Amino acid sequence: MASPWHSLVSQKIFLARTLLAQLDENDSVPTREALVQGAVELGLRARKLILVMVARMYQEKLAQPESLEALIELLGSDIPETTELTRLAGETNSWWNHLDQLERHQGNPPVARKTVSDENVIAVSADTGPDRSRQALEQTLTAIKHFTDTLEERHSEW
């Protein structure tokens, strides 16, 4: 039987995917942006809920860790879940890192762009921010789902 926390994480992922599925049906720029930002927020919420899920699996019934660091402080760094999450946080192309990038991007005002004229045209690389494409977001959501399903299977065997 799935834990209520696993079900809640799965729900957030399902809802995020539901929003992403609507991207193909909308040409309105504000609507598309709302769908992407909504899916990102649900992904971020799922990540926070994973931290609570792990704490509950280790019988921390009242803990609500807000960060990986708080979870490590609560449970230690020698359990498989904190070890795995720490590894994911350090990997450039992991779902955890992608969500970190999305959170920073979405939580800050847009970068002011310089105007281009004939006098100031210089070839430079512009920071375009994290990949917010439907495909990238779907990949991240799939990875989160796989992680939580594996976690639930591991702990439901006990």
N, C-alpha and C. Protein backbone atom coordinates (compact mmCIF):
# COMPACT_ATOMS: atom_id res chain seq x y z
N MET A 1 0.84 -1.18 0.00
CA MET A 1 0.00 0.00 0.00
C MET A 1 0.88 1.25 0.00
N ALA A 2 0.54 2.18 -0.84
CA ALA A 2 1.33 3.40 -0.96
C ALA A 2 1.10 4.30 0.24
N SER A 3 2.16 4.95 0.68
CA SER A 3 2.03 5.89 1.79
C SER A 3 1.26 7.11 1.31
N PRO A 4 0.61 7.82 2.22
CA PRO A 4 -0.10 9.04 1.80
C PRO A 4 0.84 10.09 1.22
N TRP A 5 2.09 10.10 1.68
CA TRP A 5 3.06 11.07 1.16
C TRP A 5 3.45 10.72 -0.26
N HIS A 6 3.62 9.43 -0.54
CA HIS A 6 3.92 9.00 -1.91
C HIS A 6 2.76 9.37 -2.82
N SER A 7 1.55 9.17 -2.36
CA SER A 7 0.36 9.52 -3.15
C SER A 7 0.31 11.02 -3.42
N LEU A 8 0.67 11.83 -2.42
CA LEU A 8 0.64 13.28 -2.59
C LEU A 8 1.70 13.74 -3.59
N VAL A 9 2.89 13.16 -3.52
CA VAL A 9 3.94 13.49 -4.50
C VAL A 9 3.47 13.09 -5.90
N SER A 10 2.90 11.89 -6.02
CA SER A 10 2.41 11.41 -7.31
C SER A 10 1.33 12.33 -7.86
N GLN A 11 0.48 12.84 -6.98
CA GLN A 11 -0.58 13.76 -7.40
C GLN A 11 0.01 15.04 -7.98
N LYS A 12 1.01 15.59 -7.32
CA LYS A 12 1.63 16.83 -7.81
C LYS A 12 2.27 16.61 -9.18
N ILE A 13 2.91 15.47 -9.35
CA ILE A 13 3.53 15.15 -10.64
C ILE A 13 2.47 14.99 -11.72
N PHE A 14 1.38 14.30 -11.40
CA PHE A 14 0.27 14.13 -12.34
C PHE A 14 -0.31 15.48 -12.75
N LEU A 15 -0.52 16.36 -11.78
CA LEU A 15 -1.08 17.68 -12.09
C LEU A 15 -0.12 18.51 -12.94
N ALA A 16 1.18 18.43 -12.66
CA ALA A 16 2.17 19.14 -13.48
C ALA A 16 2.14 18.63 -14.92
N ARG A 17 2.05 17.32 -15.07
CA ARG A 17 1.98 16.75 -16.43
C ARG A 17 0.70 17.16 -17.14
N THR A 18 -0.38 17.29 -16.39
CA THR A 18 -1.65 17.73 -16.96
C THR A 18 -1.51 19.15 -17.51
N LEU A 19 -0.82 20.00 -16.78
CA LEU A 19 -0.59 21.36 -17.28
C LEU A 19 0.28 21.35 -18.53
N LEU A 20 1.35 20.55 -18.52
CA LEU A 20 2.24 20.50 -19.67
C LEU A 20 1.53 19.97 -20.91
N ALA A 21 0.60 19.06 -20.73
CA ALA A 21 -0.14 18.51 -21.87
C ALA A 21 -0.97 19.58 -22.56
N GLN A 22 -1.33 20.62 -21.85
CA GLN A 22 -2.14 21.69 -22.43
C GLN A 22 -1.32 22.69 -23.24
N LEU A 23 0.01 22.58 -23.17
CA LEU A 23 0.85 23.52 -23.92
C LEU A 23 0.59 23.45 -25.42
N ASP A 24 0.38 22.25 -25.94
CA ASP A 24 0.16 22.08 -27.38
C ASP A 24 -1.16 22.68 -27.84
N GLU A 25 -2.09 22.85 -26.91
CA GLU A 25 -3.43 23.33 -27.26
C GLU A 25 -3.55 24.85 -27.16
N ASN A 26 -2.50 25.53 -26.69
CA ASN A 26 -2.60 26.96 -26.45
C ASN A 26 -1.54 27.73 -27.22
N ASP A 27 -2.00 28.77 -27.92
CA ASP A 27 -1.09 29.65 -28.64
C ASP A 27 -0.86 30.95 -27.88
N SER A 28 -1.66 31.20 -26.88
CA SER A 28 -1.56 32.43 -26.11
C SER A 28 -0.28 32.41 -25.27
N VAL A 29 0.56 33.43 -25.44
CA VAL A 29 1.83 33.50 -24.71
C VAL A 29 1.60 33.53 -23.20
N PRO A 30 0.69 34.35 -22.69
CA PRO A 30 0.47 34.35 -21.23
C PRO A 30 -0.03 32.99 -20.71
N THR A 31 -0.89 32.34 -21.47
CA THR A 31 -1.40 31.04 -21.05
C THR A 31 -0.30 30.00 -21.04
N ARG A 32 0.53 30.00 -22.06
CA ARG A 32 1.65 29.05 -22.12
C ARG A 32 2.61 29.28 -20.95
N GLU A 33 2.89 30.55 -20.65
CA GLU A 33 3.78 30.87 -19.53
C GLU A 33 3.16 30.42 -18.21
N ALA A 34 1.88 30.63 -18.06
CA ALA A 34 1.19 30.20 -16.84
C ALA A 34 1.25 28.68 -16.69
N LEU A 35 1.09 27.97 -17.78
CA LEU A 35 1.15 26.50 -17.73
C LEU A 35 2.55 26.02 -17.35
N VAL A 36 3.58 26.64 -17.93
CA VAL A 36 4.95 26.25 -17.61
C VAL A 36 5.26 26.58 -16.16
N GLN A 37 4.94 27.80 -15.73
CA GLN A 37 5.23 28.19 -14.35
C GLN A 37 4.44 27.34 -13.36
N GLY A 38 3.21 27.01 -13.69
CA GLY A 38 2.42 26.14 -12.81
C GLY A 38 3.03 24.75 -12.69
N ALA A 39 3.48 24.21 -13.81
CA ALA A 39 4.12 22.88 -13.79
C ALA A 39 5.41 22.91 -12.98
N VAL A 40 6.18 23.98 -13.13
CA VAL A 40 7.43 24.12 -12.36
C VAL A 40 7.11 24.18 -10.87
N GLU A 41 6.14 24.99 -10.50
CA GLU A 41 5.77 25.12 -9.08
C GLU A 41 5.30 23.78 -8.50
N LEU A 42 4.55 23.02 -9.27
CA LEU A 42 4.13 21.70 -8.80
C LEU A 42 5.32 20.75 -8.67
N GLY A 43 6.27 20.85 -9.57
CA GLY A 43 7.49 20.05 -9.45
C GLY A 43 8.29 20.42 -8.21
N LEU A 44 8.38 21.71 -7.93
CA LEU A 44 9.07 22.16 -6.73
C LEU A 44 8.35 21.70 -5.47
N ARG A 45 7.03 21.74 -5.50
CA ARG A 45 6.25 21.26 -4.34
C ARG A 45 6.45 19.76 -4.15
N ALA A 46 6.50 19.02 -5.24
CA ALA A 46 6.74 17.57 -5.15
C ALA A 46 8.10 17.30 -4.51
N ARG A 47 9.10 18.10 -4.87
CA ARG A 47 10.44 17.92 -4.30
C ARG A 47 10.42 18.15 -2.79
N LYS A 48 9.72 19.19 -2.34
CA LYS A 48 9.62 19.45 -0.90
C LYS A 48 8.89 18.31 -0.20
N LEU A 49 7.88 17.79 -0.84
CA LEU A 49 7.12 16.69 -0.25
C LEU A 49 7.95 15.41 -0.16
N ILE A 50 8.89 15.24 -1.07
CA ILE A 50 9.80 14.09 -0.99
C ILE A 50 10.61 14.15 0.29
N LEU A 51 11.04 15.34 0.66
CA LEU A 51 11.80 15.50 1.90
C LEU A 51 10.97 15.08 3.11
N VAL A 52 9.71 15.48 3.11
CA VAL A 52 8.80 15.09 4.21
C VAL A 52 8.56 13.58 4.16
N MET A 53 8.39 13.05 2.97
CA MET A 53 8.16 11.61 2.79
C MET A 53 9.32 10.81 3.39
N VAL A 54 10.55 11.23 3.10
CA VAL A 54 11.72 10.54 3.64
C VAL A 54 11.73 10.64 5.16
N ALA A 55 11.46 11.82 5.69
CA ALA A 55 11.43 11.99 7.15
C ALA A 55 10.39 11.06 7.78
N ARG A 56 9.22 10.95 7.16
CA ARG A 56 8.16 10.07 7.69
C ARG A 56 8.58 8.60 7.63
N MET A 57 9.31 8.25 6.59
CA MET A 57 9.76 6.86 6.47
C MET A 57 10.71 6.48 7.60
N TYR A 58 11.34 7.47 8.18
CA TYR A 58 12.25 7.23 9.30
C TYR A 58 11.61 7.64 10.62
N GLN A 59 10.30 7.59 10.66
CA GLN A 59 9.50 7.78 11.87
C GLN A 59 9.59 9.18 12.46
N GLU A 60 9.94 10.16 11.67
CA GLU A 60 9.94 11.55 12.13
C GLU A 60 8.56 12.12 11.80
N LYS A 61 7.61 11.88 12.69
CA LYS A 61 6.20 12.15 12.41
C LYS A 61 5.82 13.62 12.32
N LEU A 62 6.58 14.50 12.95
CA LEU A 62 6.23 15.92 12.93
C LEU A 62 7.17 16.77 12.09
N ALA A 63 8.21 16.16 11.58
CA ALA A 63 9.22 16.91 10.84
C ALA A 63 8.69 17.37 9.49
N GLN A 64 9.05 18.60 9.14
CA GLN A 64 8.70 19.18 7.83
C GLN A 64 9.96 19.82 7.25
N PRO A 65 10.99 19.02 6.91
CA PRO A 65 12.22 19.63 6.40
C PRO A 65 11.96 20.43 5.12
N GLU A 66 12.50 21.63 5.10
CA GLU A 66 12.30 22.55 3.97
C GLU A 66 13.41 22.44 2.93
N SER A 67 14.51 21.76 3.30
CA SER A 67 15.65 21.67 2.39
C SER A 67 16.36 20.34 2.61
N LEU A 68 17.22 20.01 1.67
CA LEU A 68 18.03 18.81 1.80
C LEU A 68 18.92 18.91 3.04
N GLU A 69 19.46 20.09 3.27
CA GLU A 69 20.32 20.30 4.44
C GLU A 69 19.54 20.04 5.73
N ALA A 70 18.30 20.49 5.80
CA ALA A 70 17.46 20.26 6.99
C ALA A 70 17.18 18.77 7.16
N LEU A 71 16.97 18.05 6.06
CA LEU A 71 16.73 16.61 6.13
C LEU A 71 17.97 15.89 6.64
N ILE A 72 19.13 16.29 6.15
CA ILE A 72 20.40 15.68 6.59
C ILE A 72 20.62 15.96 8.07
N GLU A 73 20.31 17.18 8.48
CA GLU A 73 20.46 17.52 9.90
C GLU A 73 19.53 16.66 10.76
N LEU A 74 18.36 16.37 10.25
CA LEU A 74 17.38 15.58 10.98
C LEU A 74 17.74 14.10 11.02
N LEU A 75 18.13 13.54 9.89
CA LEU A 75 18.32 12.09 9.77
C LEU A 75 19.78 11.65 9.66
N GLY A 76 20.66 12.56 9.32
CA GLY A 76 22.06 12.21 9.12
C GLY A 76 22.34 11.98 7.65
N SER A 77 23.61 11.92 7.34
CA SER A 77 24.02 11.75 5.94
C SER A 77 24.36 10.32 5.59
N ASP A 78 24.16 9.41 6.53
CA ASP A 78 24.57 8.02 6.29
C ASP A 78 23.41 7.10 5.90
N ILE A 79 22.22 7.65 5.68
CA ILE A 79 21.13 6.80 5.22
C ILE A 79 21.08 6.86 3.68
N PRO A 80 20.56 5.83 3.05
CA PRO A 80 20.59 5.78 1.57
C PRO A 80 19.89 6.97 0.90
N GLU A 81 18.80 7.44 1.46
CA GLU A 81 18.03 8.52 0.82
C GLU A 81 18.78 9.84 0.83
N THR A 82 19.38 10.20 1.96
CA THR A 82 20.12 11.47 1.99
C THR A 82 21.39 11.37 1.14
N THR A 83 21.99 10.20 1.11
CA THR A 83 23.17 9.99 0.26
C THR A 83 22.79 10.18 -1.21
N GLU A 84 21.69 9.56 -1.61
CA GLU A 84 21.25 9.66 -3.00
C GLU A 84 20.84 11.09 -3.36
N LEU A 85 20.11 11.75 -2.48
CA LEU A 85 19.69 13.13 -2.76
C LEU A 85 20.89 14.07 -2.82
N THR A 86 21.87 13.85 -1.97
CA THR A 86 23.09 14.67 -2.00
C THR A 86 23.82 14.46 -3.32
N ARG A 87 23.88 13.22 -3.76
CA ARG A 87 24.51 12.92 -5.06
C ARG A 87 23.77 13.63 -6.18
N LEU A 88 22.43 13.54 -6.16
CA LEU A 88 21.62 14.20 -7.20
C LEU A 88 21.81 15.72 -7.18
N ALA A 89 21.89 16.29 -5.98
CA ALA A 89 22.07 17.74 -5.86
C ALA A 89 23.41 18.19 -6.45
N GLY A 90 24.40 17.31 -6.44
CA GLY A 90 25.71 17.64 -6.98
C GLY A 90 25.88 17.37 -8.46
N GLU A 91 24.97 16.63 -9.05
CA GLU A 91 25.06 16.30 -10.48
C GLU A 91 24.43 17.40 -11.32
N THR A 92 25.16 17.85 -12.31
CA THR A 92 24.71 18.95 -13.16
C THR A 92 23.40 18.64 -13.89
N ASN A 93 23.25 17.43 -14.38
CA ASN A 93 22.08 17.10 -15.21
C ASN A 93 21.00 16.31 -14.48
N SER A 94 20.98 16.36 -13.16
CA SER A 94 19.98 15.61 -12.40
C SER A 94 18.66 16.37 -12.31
N TRP A 95 17.61 15.65 -11.98
CA TRP A 95 16.31 16.28 -11.79
C TRP A 95 16.35 17.27 -10.63
N TRP A 96 17.10 16.95 -9.58
CA TRP A 96 17.19 17.84 -8.42
C TRP A 96 17.83 19.17 -8.83
N ASN A 97 18.91 19.08 -9.57
CA ASN A 97 19.63 20.27 -10.02
C ASN A 97 18.78 21.08 -11.00
N HIS A 98 18.06 20.40 -11.88
CA HIS A 98 17.18 21.10 -12.82
C HIS A 98 16.13 21.90 -12.06
N LEU A 99 15.55 21.29 -11.01
CA LEU A 99 14.58 22.02 -10.20
C LEU A 99 15.22 23.20 -9.48
N ASP A 100 16.46 23.05 -9.01
CA ASP A 100 17.18 24.18 -8.40
C ASP A 100 17.29 25.34 -9.39
N GLN A 101 17.68 25.02 -10.62
CA GLN A 101 17.82 26.06 -11.65
C GLN A 101 16.48 26.73 -11.94
N LEU A 102 15.43 25.91 -12.06
CA LEU A 102 14.10 26.44 -12.34
C LEU A 102 13.62 27.33 -11.19
N GLU A 103 13.91 26.92 -9.97
CA GLU A 103 13.49 27.70 -8.80
C GLU A 103 14.19 29.06 -8.78
N ARG A 104 15.49 29.07 -9.04
CA ARG A 104 16.23 30.34 -9.09
C ARG A 104 15.69 31.23 -10.21
N HIS A 105 15.46 30.62 -11.36
CA HIS A 105 14.97 31.39 -12.52
C HIS A 105 13.58 31.96 -12.24
N GLN A 106 12.71 31.17 -11.71
CA GLN A 106 11.33 31.57 -11.50
C GLN A 106 11.18 32.49 -10.29
N GLY A 107 12.13 32.43 -9.37
CA GLY A 107 12.03 33.24 -8.16
C GLY A 107 12.71 34.59 -8.24
N ASN A 108 13.23 34.93 -9.41
CA ASN A 108 13.92 36.21 -9.59
C ASN A 108 13.30 36.97 -10.75
N PRO A 109 13.38 38.31 -10.69
CA PRO A 109 12.85 39.08 -11.81
C PRO A 109 13.66 38.82 -13.07
N PRO A 110 13.06 39.00 -14.23
CA PRO A 110 13.79 38.78 -15.48
C PRO A 110 14.99 39.72 -15.58
N VAL A 111 16.04 39.22 -16.21
CA VAL A 111 17.25 40.01 -16.41
C VAL A 111 16.97 41.07 -17.46
N ALA A 112 17.37 42.30 -17.16
CA ALA A 112 17.19 43.40 -18.12
C ALA A 112 18.11 43.17 -19.31
N ARG A 113 17.57 43.26 -20.48
CA ARG A 113 18.34 43.05 -21.70
C ARG A 113 18.79 44.41 -22.24
N LYS A 114 20.01 44.44 -22.73
CA LYS A 114 20.52 45.67 -23.33
C LYS A 114 19.94 45.83 -24.72
N THR A 115 19.76 47.06 -25.10
CA THR A 115 19.28 47.31 -26.46
C THR A 115 20.45 47.13 -27.42
N VAL A 116 20.15 46.67 -28.59
CA VAL A 116 21.18 46.41 -29.59
C VAL A 116 21.13 47.52 -30.64
N SER A 117 22.30 48.06 -30.93
CA SER A 117 22.42 49.03 -32.01
C SER A 117 23.69 48.70 -32.79
N ASP A 118 23.89 49.38 -33.90
CA ASP A 118 25.08 49.11 -34.72
C ASP A 118 26.37 49.37 -33.95
N GLU A 119 26.35 50.31 -32.99
CA GLU A 119 27.56 50.68 -32.26
C GLU A 119 27.92 49.66 -31.18
N ASN A 120 26.96 48.94 -30.65
CA ASN A 120 27.27 48.07 -29.51
C ASN A 120 27.06 46.58 -29.79
N VAL A 121 27.08 46.18 -31.03
CA VAL A 121 26.90 44.78 -31.36
C VAL A 121 28.21 44.03 -31.10
N ILE A 122 28.18 43.18 -30.14
CA ILE A 122 29.33 42.34 -29.79
C ILE A 122 28.79 40.93 -29.62
N ALA A 123 29.50 39.99 -30.17
CA ALA A 123 29.06 38.60 -30.05
C ALA A 123 29.36 38.10 -28.64
N VAL A 124 28.30 37.88 -27.87
CA VAL A 124 28.45 37.34 -26.52
C VAL A 124 27.41 36.25 -26.31
N SER A 125 27.71 35.42 -25.38
CA SER A 125 26.77 34.36 -25.04
C SER A 125 25.82 34.89 -23.97
N ALA A 126 24.55 34.86 -24.25
CA ALA A 126 23.57 35.33 -23.29
C ALA A 126 23.08 34.16 -22.44
N ASP A 127 22.87 34.42 -21.17
CA ASP A 127 22.34 33.40 -20.29
C ASP A 127 20.85 33.27 -20.57
N THR A 128 20.45 32.14 -21.10
CA THR A 128 19.05 31.94 -21.46
C THR A 128 18.25 31.30 -20.33
N GLY A 129 18.91 30.94 -19.25
CA GLY A 129 18.22 30.32 -18.13
C GLY A 129 18.10 28.82 -18.34
N PRO A 130 17.44 28.16 -17.39
CA PRO A 130 17.31 26.71 -17.47
C PRO A 130 16.35 26.30 -18.60
N ASP A 131 16.47 25.06 -19.01
CA ASP A 131 15.61 24.52 -20.06
C ASP A 131 14.19 24.36 -19.51
N ARG A 132 13.28 25.16 -20.03
CA ARG A 132 11.88 25.10 -19.60
C ARG A 132 10.99 24.49 -20.68
N SER A 133 11.60 23.76 -21.60
CA SER A 133 10.81 23.14 -22.66
C SER A 133 9.94 22.03 -22.08
N ARG A 134 8.90 21.72 -22.80
CA ARG A 134 8.01 20.65 -22.34
C ARG A 134 8.79 19.35 -22.15
N GLN A 135 9.66 19.04 -23.09
CA GLN A 135 10.43 17.80 -23.03
C GLN A 135 11.32 17.76 -21.78
N ALA A 136 12.00 18.85 -21.48
CA ALA A 136 12.88 18.89 -20.31
C ALA A 136 12.08 18.77 -19.02
N LEU A 137 10.95 19.46 -18.96
CA LEU A 137 10.11 19.38 -17.76
C LEU A 137 9.53 17.98 -17.59
N GLU A 138 9.11 17.36 -18.70
CA GLU A 138 8.60 15.98 -18.64
C GLU A 138 9.68 15.03 -18.13
N GLN A 139 10.90 15.21 -18.62
CA GLN A 139 12.02 14.36 -18.18
C GLN A 139 12.24 14.49 -16.69
N THR A 140 12.22 15.70 -16.19
CA THR A 140 12.41 15.93 -14.76
C THR A 140 11.28 15.30 -13.96
N LEU A 141 10.05 15.48 -14.40
CA LEU A 141 8.91 14.89 -13.69
C LEU A 141 8.98 13.36 -13.69
N THR A 142 9.40 12.79 -14.80
CA THR A 142 9.55 11.33 -14.89
C THR A 142 10.62 10.85 -13.93
N ALA A 143 11.72 11.58 -13.83
CA ALA A 143 12.80 11.20 -12.92
C ALA A 143 12.36 11.30 -11.46
N ILE A 144 11.59 12.34 -11.13
CA ILE A 144 11.07 12.47 -9.76
C ILE A 144 10.14 11.29 -9.45
N LYS A 145 9.28 10.97 -10.38
CA LYS A 145 8.33 9.87 -10.18
C LYS A 145 9.07 8.55 -9.98
N HIS A 146 10.08 8.32 -10.79
CA HIS A 146 10.88 7.09 -10.67
C HIS A 146 11.55 7.04 -9.30
N PHE A 147 12.12 8.16 -8.86
CA PHE A 147 12.79 8.21 -7.57
C PHE A 147 11.81 7.89 -6.44
N THR A 148 10.64 8.53 -6.45
CA THR A 148 9.69 8.30 -5.36
C THR A 148 9.09 6.91 -5.41
N ASP A 149 8.88 6.37 -6.59
CA ASP A 149 8.36 4.99 -6.69
C ASP A 149 9.38 4.00 -6.12
N THR A 150 10.65 4.20 -6.45
CA THR A 150 11.72 3.34 -5.93
C THR A 150 11.79 3.45 -4.41
N LEU A 151 11.71 4.66 -3.92
CA LEU A 151 11.74 4.91 -2.49
C LEU A 151 10.57 4.21 -1.79
N GLU A 152 9.41 4.35 -2.35
CA GLU A 152 8.21 3.71 -1.75
C GLU A 152 8.33 2.20 -1.77
N GLU A 153 8.80 1.65 -2.88
CA GLU A 153 8.98 0.19 -2.95
C GLU A 153 9.97 -0.30 -1.90
N ARG A 154 11.07 0.41 -1.77
CA ARG A 154 12.10 0.02 -0.80
C ARG A 154 11.55 0.01 0.62
N HIS A 155 10.77 0.99 0.96
CA HIS A 155 10.29 1.10 2.35
C HIS A 155 9.00 0.31 2.58
N SER A 156 8.27 -0.02 1.56
CA SER A 156 7.06 -0.83 1.77
C SER A 156 7.40 -2.29 1.97
N GLU A 157 8.63 -2.69 1.64
CA GLU A 157 9.06 -4.08 1.86
C GLU A 157 9.30 -4.35 3.33
N TRP A 158 9.49 -3.30 4.13
CA TRP A 158 9.83 -3.49 5.53
C TRP A 158 8.64 -3.91 6.28
